[in-house]
Each structure stands twice: as C-alpha cells, then as structure tokens.
Amino acid sequence: MKRKLNLNRWLVLCLAALCLFAAGCRQKEKPANNINNNMPEVVPVKVMEVEKRTLRVRCEFVGNILSFYEAEVYPKVSGKILEKVKDEGQIVAQNEVIMYIDRDEVGLTFEKAPVESPLSGLIGRVYVDIGQQVTPNTPVARVVNIEKVKINVDIPETFLANIGPGQDADITVDTYPDKIFHGKINKISPVLDVSTRTTPAEIIIENSNMFLKPGMFARVSLVTEVAENVPVIFTESIIGKNSESYVYIVENDAARKRKISLGLREGHLREVKSGVNPGELVVVMGQQKLTDGVKVLFEKMEQQ
C-alpha cells in the first residue's frame, strides 16, 4: 500500500514538472512572436522597366494563292492528240507549241496542227492524252504565270478607314511556316457586299523564286494602326479596366499606385499614354498583394 502511494506521488510530481516546462516554453516564444508582428511586411515582386517602342495593330485574313495571269488553252481545229511537246510544270513562251493535233480525215491529208500557248509561263495542267479526240471547244491545257501571285480577301467595313491600295501585307503559308512573304494591296473594290458588310481586295506578291504555288492556303496580316516610339508595359501589369486602369511602380523600394491611360495593344505589350514614364519600374508579378506604400523586394525582368 505504501509503495502504491509513493508511485502515485512520483507520477503527480512528473506531470507537474512537464506542465511547468511547457508553460515556460510558451512564455519564451511569446516575445519572439511580438517581434515578428512588429516587423514591416516586405512583398517579393517582379518588375519591368518602361521602354519606348513602336506598336502595330494588325488584322488577320485567310485566302488562297492565285496565279496573277492564267489562261485555258483551246485547239483551233478538231482531231486527235498526236504529240505532246510540253508537260505539266515546264516553262512555255507565248505562241510556243504545247502539242500537235492529227486532223486527217477520210480522203484528205493535212499537216499536224499545232496548239500554241497564249501567254508565257508554266504549264499548270494538261487535260488530254495522246489519241484523245478534241474540238475547238475542248480545253486541252492551262498555262499560268506565277512570277507574281495574288490573294483575294474580304475586308470588313470597320477596317476600311485604315486600309488602302499600296499598303504592305505579310503573308505566311503552311509549306514554309518560318518564312514571311511580303505583298501589297493592289486594289480595293469601292462597293460593299450588303449581306456581309465586306469589300473584296486584291493583294499582289512578287514570286520570282516561285515558292508560292496557286492553290496554297495563305494567312494575310495587315497593319491597321501604328504608334511610334511610345512608352509600353506588359499587359500582365495592368489592374482594372478602361478609365479605372492602374499599375504599381517601385519607388525607393516601396510600391506606389499609379492611374494610367492606355493606347494601342500588340501582343503582350500595351501603349501607355499617361501615368508612367520611360525608365520607371512597373510591377509585373505580385501586384495583387500590394497596397500603396508597402515595402517590396523586387527582381527585374527583361523586355521580350
């Protein structure tokens, strides 16, 4: 019985000692927490330097590459195809013979009749084979001239004030995905289609190397507006919309809220008409945690 009492006393003393030790630890930790709570908050952010650039607003269209000149070739007489002088893809001069026709009839003998090209270019298609019967109404070949090619696109009414003849156009095709071809608007129809509110336009591309072939699918990019040598920022840095847009700049290691007025946009860049100046540092990442005057630890990003 005595042993049990001594054991119980020992357990009680141990528990009391543990409680005192835990309370002491909490008291020691409390001053440290008070020190942290009194320290000013520092927010890590990434910034970019405001630079001047030229921005271009573009509109995009699609169309098919067409030969600038082309012609269907018809024979002048009836008969059978006797000989083919030119084949598809070969160069042909104007009035050069493409094929001959045998127009022999019962009881009559004729010299073989030539079929000539109406223009200089390439043989795009040959529609007939040797021995085939043809008449003056039978197309036997197509000749194309692709030293220049064209694309027809439909321009929406809203863009017409900023697009006109002589304007530059950039063209890409799937065959050469990393190459940009340069063309110009040749003409724009003065009449709009009332059902689509668009007007047809013709774009001409010099094609002396003959990379572009009729029938290729093409993407056309036209510049509609230009802002030259203007301050720009990343669109990711902008908070709010329209007249309520603002950014944070870093000044003396602190964030400062600036209301801004915006202009043109090209990709991830946006023109700033007022509110920030070239050389200032604008917060691009981390601005959601900022308030005016809060201290920041910043890392500078390079313009792309």
C-alpha atoms as a PDB file:
ATOM      1  CA  MET A   1       0.000   0.000   0.000  1.00  0.00           C
ATOM      2  CA  LYS A   2       2.853   2.301   0.884  1.00  0.00           C
ATOM      3  CA  ARG A   3       4.554   1.527  -2.408  1.00  0.00           C
ATOM      4  CA  LYS A   4       1.413   2.462  -4.373  1.00  0.00           C
ATOM      5  CA  LEU A   5       1.188   5.811  -2.598  1.00  0.00           C
ATOM      6  CA  ASN A   6       4.834   6.577  -3.330  1.00  0.00           C
ATOM      7  CA  LEU A   7       4.335   5.664  -7.017  1.00  0.00           C
ATOM      8  CA  ASN A   8       1.291   7.902  -7.326  1.00  0.00           C
ATOM      9  CA  ARG A   9       3.157  10.815  -5.731  1.00  0.00           C
ATOM     10  CA  TRP A  10       6.016  10.302  -8.182  1.00  0.00           C
ATOM     11  CA  LEU A  11       3.658  10.368 -11.178  1.00  0.00           C
ATOM     12  CA  VAL A  12       1.961  13.551  -9.937  1.00  0.00           C
ATOM     13  CA  LEU A  13       5.336  15.267  -9.500  1.00  0.00           C
ATOM     14  CA  CYS A  14       6.402  14.267 -13.047  1.00  0.00           C
ATOM     15  CA  LEU A  15       3.193  15.611 -14.584  1.00  0.00           C
ATOM     16  CA  ALA A  16       3.547  18.886 -12.675  1.00  0.00           C
ATOM     17  CA  ALA A  17       7.135  19.278 -13.884  1.00  0.00           C
ATOM     18  CA  LEU A  18       6.081  18.710 -17.529  1.00  0.00           C
ATOM     19  CA  CYS A  19       3.326  21.327 -17.261  1.00  0.00           C
ATOM     20  CA  LEU A  20       5.761  23.881 -15.816  1.00  0.00           C
ATOM     21  CA  PHE A  21       8.269  23.175 -18.614  1.00  0.00           C
ATOM     22  CA  ALA A  22       5.608  23.625 -21.375  1.00  0.00           C
ATOM     23  CA  ALA A  23       4.406  26.885 -19.842  1.00  0.00           C
ATOM     24  CA  GLY A  24       7.963  28.203 -19.747  1.00  0.00           C
ATOM     25  CA  CYS A  25       8.424  27.364 -23.443  1.00  0.00           C
ATOM     26  CA  ARG A  26       5.267  29.271 -24.352  1.00  0.00           C
ATOM     27  CA  GLN A  27       6.439  32.301 -22.377  1.00  0.00           C
ATOM     28  CA  LYS A  28       9.791  32.232 -24.159  1.00  0.00           C
ATOM     29  CA  GLU A  29       8.129  32.026 -27.603  1.00  0.00           C
ATOM     30  CA  LYS A  30       5.736  34.913 -26.952  1.00  0.00           C
ATOM     31  CA  PRO A  31       8.296  37.736 -27.147  1.00  0.00           C
ATOM     32  CA  ALA A  32       9.595  36.347 -30.482  1.00  0.00           C
ATOM     33  CA  ASN A  33       6.076  36.446 -31.972  1.00  0.00           C
ATOM     34  CA  ASN A  34       5.654  40.013 -30.804  1.00  0.00           C
ATOM     35  CA  ILE A  35       8.878  40.994 -32.558  1.00  0.00           C
ATOM     36  CA  ASN A  36       7.714  39.426 -35.883  1.00  0.00           C
ATOM     37  CA  ASN A  37       4.334  41.126 -35.670  1.00  0.00           C
ATOM     38  CA  ASN A  38       6.013  44.499 -35.365  1.00  0.00           C
ATOM     39  CA  MET A  39       8.251  43.989 -38.431  1.00  0.00           C
ATOM     40  CA  PRO A  40       7.038  45.753 -41.668  1.00  0.00           C
ATOM     41  CA  GLU A  41       5.739  43.402 -44.411  1.00  0.00           C
ATOM     42  CA  VAL A  42       8.002  43.041 -47.471  1.00  0.00           C
ATOM     43  CA  VAL A  43       6.351  41.695 -50.643  1.00  0.00           C
ATOM     44  CA  PRO A  44       8.512  39.980 -53.322  1.00  0.00           C
ATOM     45  CA  VAL A  45       7.649  41.198 -56.854  1.00  0.00           C
ATOM     46  CA  LYS A  46       8.964  41.149 -60.410  1.00  0.00           C
ATOM     47  CA  VAL A  47       9.251  44.390 -62.336  1.00  0.00           C
ATOM     48  CA  MET A  48       9.965  45.648 -65.853  1.00  0.00           C
ATOM     49  CA  GLU A  49      11.481  48.922 -66.954  1.00  0.00           C
ATOM     50  CA  VAL A  50       9.198  51.120 -69.054  1.00  0.00           C
ATOM     51  CA  GLU A  51      10.696  51.413 -72.539  1.00  0.00           C
ATOM     52  CA  LYS A  52       9.748  53.183 -75.760  1.00  0.00           C
ATOM     53  CA  ARG A  53       8.776  51.034 -78.724  1.00  0.00           C
ATOM     54  CA  THR A  54       6.744  51.102 -81.919  1.00  0.00           C
ATOM     55  CA  LEU A  55       3.469  49.161 -81.748  1.00  0.00           C
ATOM     56  CA  ARG A  56       1.428  47.948 -84.707  1.00  0.00           C
ATOM     57  CA  VAL A  57      -2.176  46.805 -84.615  1.00  0.00           C
ATOM     58  CA  ARG A  58      -2.928  44.108 -87.182  1.00  0.00           C
ATOM     59  CA  CYS A  59      -5.964  42.412 -88.671  1.00  0.00           C
ATOM     60  CA  GLU A  60      -5.755  38.871 -89.991  1.00  0.00           C
ATOM     61  CA  PHE A  61      -7.339  37.290 -93.085  1.00  0.00           C
ATOM     62  CA  VAL A  62      -7.130  33.986 -94.936  1.00  0.00           C
ATOM     63  CA  GLY A  63      -7.278  33.181 -98.633  1.00  0.00           C
ATOM     64  CA  ASN A  64      -5.846  31.070-101.442  1.00  0.00           C
ATOM     65  CA  ILE A  65      -2.812  31.806-103.576  1.00  0.00           C
ATOM     66  CA  LEU A  66      -3.848  32.501-107.168  1.00  0.00           C
ATOM     67  CA  SER A  67      -1.741  32.952-110.294  1.00  0.00           C
ATOM     68  CA  PHE A  68      -1.595  36.567-111.434  1.00  0.00           C
ATOM     69  CA  TYR A  69      -2.116  35.563-115.082  1.00  0.00           C
ATOM     70  CA  GLU A  70      -3.546  32.302-116.361  1.00  0.00           C
ATOM     71  CA  ALA A  71      -5.304  31.040-119.453  1.00  0.00           C
ATOM     72  CA  GLU A  72      -7.087  27.925-120.635  1.00  0.00           C
ATOM     73  CA  VAL A  73      -5.693  26.611-123.943  1.00  0.00           C
ATOM     74  CA  TYR A  74      -8.066  25.521-126.726  1.00  0.00           C
ATOM     75  CA  PRO A  75      -7.198  23.958-130.119  1.00  0.00           C
ATOM     76  CA  LYS A  76      -8.147  25.761-133.310  1.00  0.00           C
ATOM     77  CA  VAL A  77      -9.173  22.566-135.111  1.00  0.00           C
ATOM     78  CA  SER A  78     -10.811  19.222-134.395  1.00  0.00           C
ATOM     79  CA  GLY A  79      -8.868  15.963-134.391  1.00  0.00           C
ATOM     80  CA  LYS A  80      -6.886  13.560-132.247  1.00  0.00           C
ATOM     81  CA  ILE A  81      -3.961  14.484-129.995  1.00  0.00           C
ATOM     82  CA  LEU A  82      -0.914  13.288-131.906  1.00  0.00           C
ATOM     83  CA  GLU A  83       2.011  14.559-129.823  1.00  0.00           C
ATOM     84  CA  LYS A  84       2.564  16.415-126.534  1.00  0.00           C
ATOM     85  CA  VAL A  85       5.559  18.769-126.638  1.00  0.00           C
ATOM     86  CA  LYS A  86       5.213  20.264-123.159  1.00  0.00           C
ATOM     87  CA  ASP A  87       4.228  18.632-119.888  1.00  0.00           C
ATOM     88  CA  GLU A  88       2.983  19.959-116.546  1.00  0.00           C
ATOM     89  CA  GLY A  89       5.478  22.184-114.718  1.00  0.00           C
ATOM     90  CA  GLN A  90       7.515  23.053-117.796  1.00  0.00           C
ATOM     91  CA  ILE A  91       8.213  26.622-118.898  1.00  0.00           C
ATOM     92  CA  VAL A  92       6.498  27.798-122.049  1.00  0.00           C
ATOM     93  CA  ALA A  93       6.811  31.023-124.060  1.00  0.00           C
ATOM     94  CA  GLN A  94       3.960  32.905-125.668  1.00  0.00           C
ATOM     95  CA  ASN A  95       2.990  31.280-129.014  1.00  0.00           C
ATOM     96  CA  GLU A  96       5.206  28.247-128.266  1.00  0.00           C
ATOM     97  CA  VAL A  97       3.768  24.865-129.287  1.00  0.00           C
ATOM     98  CA  ILE A  98       2.316  22.759-126.460  1.00  0.00           C
ATOM     99  CA  MET A  99       1.000  19.801-128.529  1.00  0.00           C
ATOM    100  CA  TYR A 100       0.042  18.737-132.044  1.00  0.00           C
ATOM    101  CA  ILE A 101      -3.297  17.526-133.414  1.00  0.00           C
ATOM    102  CA  ASP A 102      -3.773  14.992-136.203  1.00  0.00           C
ATOM    103  CA  ARG A 103      -6.757  16.205-138.198  1.00  0.00           C
ATOM    104  CA  ASP A 104      -6.580  13.614-141.003  1.00  0.00           C
ATOM    105  CA  GLU A 105      -9.977  12.867-142.462  1.00  0.00           C
ATOM    106  CA  VAL A 106     -11.058  10.183-144.905  1.00  0.00           C
ATOM    107  CA  GLY A 107      -9.874  11.136-148.369  1.00  0.00           C
ATOM    108  CA  LEU A 108      -7.926  14.183-147.115  1.00  0.00           C
ATOM    109  CA  THR A 109      -4.377  14.678-145.823  1.00  0.00           C
ATOM    110  CA  PHE A 110      -3.348  17.546-143.513  1.00  0.00           C
ATOM    111  CA  GLU A 111      -0.172  18.539-141.774  1.00  0.00           C
ATOM    112  CA  LYS A 112      -0.291  18.121-137.986  1.00  0.00           C
ATOM    113  CA  ALA A 113      -1.895  21.200-136.394  1.00  0.00           C
ATOM    114  CA  PRO A 114      -0.053  22.969-133.526  1.00  0.00           C
ATOM    115  CA  VAL A 115      -1.711  24.059-130.285  1.00  0.00           C
ATOM    116  CA  GLU A 116       0.089  27.163-129.018  1.00  0.00           C
ATOM    117  CA  SER A 117       0.324  28.877-125.626  1.00  0.00           C
ATOM    118  CA  PRO A 118      -1.491  32.230-125.433  1.00  0.00           C
ATOM    119  CA  LEU A 119       0.978  33.570-122.829  1.00  0.00           C
ATOM    120  CA  SER A 120       4.385  32.951-121.246  1.00  0.00           C
ATOM    121  CA  GLY A 121       4.534  30.988-118.009  1.00  0.00           C
ATOM    122  CA  LEU A 122       4.307  27.410-116.798  1.00  0.00           C
ATOM    123  CA  ILE A 123       2.161  24.522-117.940  1.00  0.00           C
ATOM    124  CA  GLY A 124      -0.138  24.219-114.958  1.00  0.00           C
ATOM    125  CA  ARG A 125      -2.334  21.380-116.233  1.00  0.00           C
ATOM    126  CA  VAL A 126      -2.589  19.145-119.281  1.00  0.00           C
ATOM    127  CA  TYR A 127      -6.107  17.793-119.580  1.00  0.00           C
ATOM    128  CA  VAL A 128      -5.774  15.384-122.519  1.00  0.00           C
ATOM    129  CA  ASP A 129      -3.809  12.292-123.544  1.00  0.00           C
ATOM    130  CA  ILE A 130      -2.418  11.155-126.890  1.00  0.00           C
ATOM    131  CA  GLY A 131      -5.154   9.718-129.105  1.00  0.00           C
ATOM    132  CA  GLN A 132      -7.930  11.677-127.431  1.00  0.00           C
ATOM    133  CA  GLN A 133     -10.437  13.361-129.747  1.00  0.00           C
ATOM    134  CA  VAL A 134     -10.783  17.130-129.249  1.00  0.00           C
ATOM    135  CA  THR A 135     -12.669  20.059-130.762  1.00  0.00           C
ATOM    136  CA  PRO A 136     -12.181  23.854-130.596  1.00  0.00           C
ATOM    137  CA  ASN A 137     -14.437  23.783-127.523  1.00  0.00           C
ATOM    138  CA  THR A 138     -12.230  21.308-125.626  1.00  0.00           C
ATOM    139  CA  PRO A 139      -9.768  22.805-123.084  1.00  0.00           C
ATOM    140  CA  VAL A 140      -6.507  20.893-123.527  1.00  0.00           C
ATOM    141  CA  ALA A 141      -4.201  22.674-121.047  1.00  0.00           C
ATOM    142  CA  ARG A 142      -3.850  25.549-118.616  1.00  0.00           C
ATOM    143  CA  VAL A 143      -0.906  27.983-118.666  1.00  0.00           C
ATOM    144  CA  VAL A 144      -0.104  30.052-115.567  1.00  0.00           C
ATOM    145  CA  ASN A 145       2.299  32.896-114.930  1.00  0.00           C
ATOM    146  CA  ILE A 146       3.376  32.908-111.261  1.00  0.00           C
ATOM    147  CA  GLU A 147       6.256  35.395-111.275  1.00  0.00           C
ATOM    148  CA  LYS A 148       3.603  37.352-109.419  1.00  0.00           C
ATOM    149  CA  VAL A 149       0.742  35.773-107.454  1.00  0.00           C
ATOM    150  CA  LYS A 150      -2.317  37.250-105.810  1.00  0.00           C
ATOM    151  CA  ILE A 151      -4.698  36.659-102.912  1.00  0.00           C
ATOM    152  CA  ASN A 152      -8.276  37.868-102.754  1.00  0.00           C
ATOM    153  CA  VAL A 153      -9.596  38.754 -99.287  1.00  0.00           C
ATOM    154  CA  ASP A 154     -12.762  40.383 -97.955  1.00  0.00           C
ATOM    155  CA  ILE A 155     -12.138  43.498 -95.831  1.00  0.00           C
ATOM    156  CA  PRO A 156     -14.751  44.286 -93.130  1.00  0.00           C
ATOM    157  CA  GLU A 157     -16.307  47.729 -93.256  1.00  0.00           C
ATOM    158  CA  THR A 158     -14.844  48.663 -89.845  1.00  0.00           C
ATOM    159  CA  PHE A 159     -11.260  48.437 -91.195  1.00  0.00           C
ATOM    160  CA  LEU A 160     -11.715  50.368 -94.431  1.00  0.00           C
ATOM    161  CA  ALA A 161     -10.685  53.724 -92.953  1.00  0.00           C
ATOM    162  CA  ASN A 162      -7.224  52.298 -92.150  1.00  0.00           C
ATOM    163  CA  ILE A 163      -6.617  50.100 -95.221  1.00  0.00           C
ATOM    164  CA  GLY A 164      -5.938  51.224 -98.774  1.00  0.00           C
ATOM    165  CA  PRO A 165      -4.118  50.441-102.052  1.00  0.00           C
ATOM    166  CA  GLY A 166      -0.335  50.292-101.757  1.00  0.00           C
ATOM    167  CA  GLN A 167      -0.459  49.157 -98.127  1.00  0.00           C
ATOM    168  CA  ASP A 168       2.020  46.430 -97.087  1.00  0.00           C
ATOM    169  CA  ALA A 169       0.843  42.917 -96.282  1.00  0.00           C
ATOM    170  CA  ASP A 170       2.642  39.984 -94.635  1.00  0.00           C
ATOM    171  CA  ILE A 171       1.778  36.502 -95.925  1.00  0.00           C
ATOM    172  CA  THR A 172       2.540  33.057 -94.497  1.00  0.00           C
ATOM    173  CA  VAL A 173       1.798  29.584 -95.877  1.00  0.00           C
ATOM    174  CA  ASP A 174       1.941  26.151 -94.249  1.00  0.00           C
ATOM    175  CA  THR A 175       4.597  24.928 -96.700  1.00  0.00           C
ATOM    176  CA  TYR A 176       7.117  27.478 -95.351  1.00  0.00           C
ATOM    177  CA  PRO A 177       5.945  28.095 -91.742  1.00  0.00           C
ATOM    178  CA  ASP A 178       9.047  30.120 -90.759  1.00  0.00           C
ATOM    179  CA  LYS A 179       9.066  32.394 -93.824  1.00  0.00           C
ATOM    180  CA  ILE A 180       7.150  35.660 -94.253  1.00  0.00           C
ATOM    181  CA  PHE A 181       6.328  36.800 -97.781  1.00  0.00           C
ATOM    182  CA  HIS A 182       5.709  40.485 -98.436  1.00  0.00           C
ATOM    183  CA  GLY A 183       2.984  41.848-100.678  1.00  0.00           C
ATOM    184  CA  LYS A 184       0.940  44.987-101.275  1.00  0.00           C
ATOM    185  CA  ILE A 185      -2.734  45.753-101.639  1.00  0.00           C
ATOM    186  CA  ASN A 186      -3.258  46.257-105.366  1.00  0.00           C
ATOM    187  CA  LYS A 187      -6.894  47.342-105.349  1.00  0.00           C
ATOM    188  CA  ILE A 188      -9.991  47.512-103.158  1.00  0.00           C
ATOM    189  CA  SER A 189     -13.495  47.452-104.544  1.00  0.00           C
ATOM    190  CA  PRO A 190     -15.483  50.638-103.886  1.00  0.00           C
ATOM    191  CA  VAL A 191     -18.653  48.581-103.382  1.00  0.00           C
ATOM    192  CA  LEU A 192     -19.520  46.634-100.212  1.00  0.00           C
ATOM    193  CA  ASP A 193     -21.471  43.400-100.042  1.00  0.00           C
ATOM    194  CA  VAL A 194     -24.581  44.416 -98.092  1.00  0.00           C
ATOM    195  CA  SER A 195     -25.060  40.913 -96.660  1.00  0.00           C
ATOM    196  CA  THR A 196     -21.550  40.633 -95.148  1.00  0.00           C
ATOM    197  CA  ARG A 197     -20.543  44.311 -94.876  1.00  0.00           C
ATOM    198  CA  THR A 198     -17.218  43.483 -96.533  1.00  0.00           C
ATOM    199  CA  THR A 199     -15.494  44.555 -99.737  1.00  0.00           C
ATOM    200  CA  PRO A 200     -13.094  42.458-101.860  1.00  0.00           C
ATOM    201  CA  ALA A 201      -9.437  43.424-102.017  1.00  0.00           C
ATOM    202  CA  GLU A 202      -6.588  42.046-104.149  1.00  0.00           C
ATOM    203  CA  ILE A 203      -3.090  41.557-102.715  1.00  0.00           C
ATOM    204  CA  ILE A 204      -0.109  41.111-105.061  1.00  0.00           C
ATOM    205  CA  ILE A 205       3.087  39.236-104.053  1.00  0.00           C
ATOM    206  CA  GLU A 206       6.320  39.163-106.066  1.00  0.00           C
ATOM    207  CA  ASN A 207       7.183  35.490-106.608  1.00  0.00           C
ATOM    208  CA  SER A 208      10.309  35.372-108.777  1.00  0.00           C
ATOM    209  CA  ASN A 209      11.636  32.336-106.867  1.00  0.00           C
ATOM    210  CA  MET A 210       8.250  30.638-107.413  1.00  0.00           C
ATOM    211  CA  PHE A 211       7.962  29.390-103.833  1.00  0.00           C
ATOM    212  CA  LEU A 212       4.265  30.274-103.809  1.00  0.00           C
ATOM    213  CA  LYS A 213       2.022  27.992-105.865  1.00  0.00           C
ATOM    214  CA  PRO A 214      -1.584  28.552-106.940  1.00  0.00           C
ATOM    215  CA  GLY A 215      -3.939  26.754-104.575  1.00  0.00           C
ATOM    216  CA  MET A 216      -1.835  27.180-101.421  1.00  0.00           C
ATOM    217  CA  PHE A 217      -3.742  28.258 -98.303  1.00  0.00           C
ATOM    218  CA  ALA A 218      -2.408  31.618 -97.076  1.00  0.00           C
ATOM    219  CA  ARG A 219      -2.729  33.827 -93.995  1.00  0.00           C
ATOM    220  CA  VAL A 220      -2.592  37.578 -94.546  1.00  0.00           C
ATOM    221  CA  SER A 221      -1.665  40.156 -91.900  1.00  0.00           C
ATOM    222  CA  LEU A 222      -2.388  43.856 -92.494  1.00  0.00           C
ATOM    223  CA  VAL A 223      -1.288  46.720 -90.241  1.00  0.00           C
ATOM    224  CA  THR A 224      -4.240  48.993 -89.427  1.00  0.00           C
ATOM    225  CA  GLU A 225      -2.711  51.342 -86.806  1.00  0.00           C
ATOM    226  CA  VAL A 226       0.818  52.353 -85.744  1.00  0.00           C
ATOM    227  CA  ALA A 227       2.070  54.093 -82.581  1.00  0.00           C
ATOM    228  CA  GLU A 228       5.738  55.068 -82.971  1.00  0.00           C
ATOM    229  CA  ASN A 229       8.255  55.434 -80.150  1.00  0.00           C
ATOM    230  CA  VAL A 230       5.734  55.263 -77.294  1.00  0.00           C
ATOM    231  CA  PRO A 231       6.117  54.034 -73.652  1.00  0.00           C
ATOM    232  CA  VAL A 232       4.995  50.410 -73.339  1.00  0.00           C
ATOM    233  CA  ILE A 233       4.324  47.992 -70.473  1.00  0.00           C
ATOM    234  CA  PHE A 234       3.316  44.330 -70.208  1.00  0.00           C
ATOM    235  CA  THR A 235      -0.445  43.776 -70.234  1.00  0.00           C
ATOM    236  CA  GLU A 236       0.043  41.491 -67.188  1.00  0.00           C
ATOM    237  CA  SER A 237       0.985  44.516 -65.079  1.00  0.00           C
ATOM    238  CA  ILE A 238      -2.361  46.288 -65.595  1.00  0.00           C
ATOM    239  CA  ILE A 239      -5.068  46.164 -62.906  1.00  0.00           C
ATOM    240  CA  GLY A 240      -8.630  47.307 -63.595  1.00  0.00           C
ATOM    241  CA  LYS A 241     -10.231  48.224 -66.916  1.00  0.00           C
ATOM    242  CA  ASN A 242     -10.736  51.233 -69.155  1.00  0.00           C
ATOM    243  CA  SER A 243     -10.630  54.538 -67.243  1.00  0.00           C
ATOM    244  CA  GLU A 244     -10.040  52.714 -63.939  1.00  0.00           C
ATOM    245  CA  SER A 245      -6.800  51.049 -65.036  1.00  0.00           C
ATOM    246  CA  TYR A 246      -3.746  51.397 -62.804  1.00  0.00           C
ATOM    247  CA  VAL A 247      -0.326  49.851 -62.111  1.00  0.00           C
ATOM    248  CA  TYR A 248       2.171  49.758 -59.278  1.00  0.00           C
ATOM    249  CA  ILE A 249       5.605  51.251 -59.747  1.00  0.00           C
ATOM    250  CA  VAL A 250       8.596  50.709 -57.457  1.00  0.00           C
ATOM    251  CA  GLU A 251       9.996  53.882 -55.925  1.00  0.00           C
ATOM    252  CA  ASN A 252      12.601  53.799 -53.107  1.00  0.00           C
ATOM    253  CA  ASP A 253      11.867  50.074 -52.502  1.00  0.00           C
ATOM    254  CA  ALA A 254       8.154  50.796 -51.996  1.00  0.00           C
ATOM    255  CA  ALA A 255       5.115  50.210 -54.219  1.00  0.00           C
ATOM    256  CA  ARG A 256       3.282  53.280 -55.485  1.00  0.00           C
ATOM    257  CA  LYS A 257      -0.125  53.097 -57.157  1.00  0.00           C
ATOM    258  CA  ARG A 258      -0.403  54.967 -60.460  1.00  0.00           C
ATOM    259  CA  LYS A 259      -3.539  55.550 -62.518  1.00  0.00           C
ATOM    260  CA  ILE A 260      -2.776  55.170 -66.238  1.00  0.00           C
ATOM    261  CA  SER A 261      -4.295  55.946 -69.630  1.00  0.00           C
ATOM    262  CA  LEU A 262      -3.842  53.215 -72.264  1.00  0.00           C
ATOM    263  CA  GLY A 263      -3.466  53.190 -76.061  1.00  0.00           C
ATOM    264  CA  LEU A 264      -2.698  50.535 -78.678  1.00  0.00           C
ATOM    265  CA  ARG A 265      -2.028  46.893 -77.898  1.00  0.00           C
ATOM    266  CA  GLU A 266       0.302  44.499 -79.735  1.00  0.00           C
ATOM    267  CA  GLY A 267       0.587  41.001 -78.284  1.00  0.00           C
ATOM    268  CA  HIS A 268       1.630  41.233 -74.617  1.00  0.00           C
ATOM    269  CA  LEU A 269       2.613  44.923 -74.901  1.00  0.00           C
ATOM    270  CA  ARG A 270       0.376  47.945 -74.281  1.00  0.00           C
ATOM    271  CA  GLU A 271       0.934  51.613 -75.025  1.00  0.00           C
ATOM    272  CA  VAL A 272       0.745  53.938 -72.007  1.00  0.00           C
ATOM    273  CA  LYS A 273      -0.413  57.449 -72.906  1.00  0.00           C
ATOM    274  CA  SER A 274      -0.053  58.843 -69.374  1.00  0.00           C
ATOM    275  CA  GLY A 275       0.719  57.727 -65.813  1.00  0.00           C
ATOM    276  CA  VAL A 276       4.223  56.246 -66.148  1.00  0.00           C
ATOM    277  CA  ASN A 277       7.434  57.398 -67.765  1.00  0.00           C
ATOM    278  CA  PRO A 278      10.298  55.628 -69.573  1.00  0.00           C
ATOM    279  CA  GLY A 279      12.843  54.241 -67.105  1.00  0.00           C
ATOM    280  CA  GLU A 280      10.369  53.694 -64.260  1.00  0.00           C
ATOM    281  CA  LEU A 281       9.927  50.180 -62.840  1.00  0.00           C
ATOM    282  CA  VAL A 282       6.422  48.720 -63.159  1.00  0.00           C
ATOM    283  CA  VAL A 283       5.370  45.646 -61.170  1.00  0.00           C
ATOM    284  CA  VAL A 284       4.512  42.726 -63.470  1.00  0.00           C
ATOM    285  CA  MET A 285       4.153  39.848 -60.986  1.00  0.00           C
ATOM    286  CA  GLY A 286       2.971  40.038 -57.370  1.00  0.00           C
ATOM    287  CA  GLN A 287       0.930  43.249 -57.696  1.00  0.00           C
ATOM    288  CA  GLN A 288      -2.222  41.537 -56.362  1.00  0.00           C
ATOM    289  CA  LYS A 289      -0.652  41.556 -52.870  1.00  0.00           C
ATOM    290  CA  LEU A 290       0.321  45.236 -52.965  1.00  0.00           C
ATOM    291  CA  THR A 291      -1.115  48.365 -51.424  1.00  0.00           C
ATOM    292  CA  ASP A 292       0.176  51.893 -51.843  1.00  0.00           C
ATOM    293  CA  GLY A 293       3.380  52.386 -49.866  1.00  0.00           C
ATOM    294  CA  VAL A 294       4.082  48.757 -48.962  1.00  0.00           C
ATOM    295  CA  LYS A 295       7.749  47.727 -48.994  1.00  0.00           C
ATOM    296  CA  VAL A 296       8.841  45.404 -51.803  1.00  0.00           C
ATOM    297  CA  LEU A 297      11.770  43.184 -52.697  1.00  0.00           C
ATOM    298  CA  PHE A 298      11.965  43.319 -56.490  1.00  0.00           C
ATOM    299  CA  GLU A 299      13.577  41.335 -59.289  1.00  0.00           C
ATOM    300  CA  LYS A 300      13.931  42.969 -62.710  1.00  0.00           C
ATOM    301  CA  MET A 301      12.619  41.229 -65.840  1.00  0.00           C
ATOM    302  CA  GLU A 302      13.959  41.805 -69.338  1.00  0.00           C
ATOM    303  CA  GLN A 303      11.741  43.077 -72.161  1.00  0.00           C
ATOM    304  CA  GLN A 304      10.833  40.438 -74.763  1.00  0.00           C
END
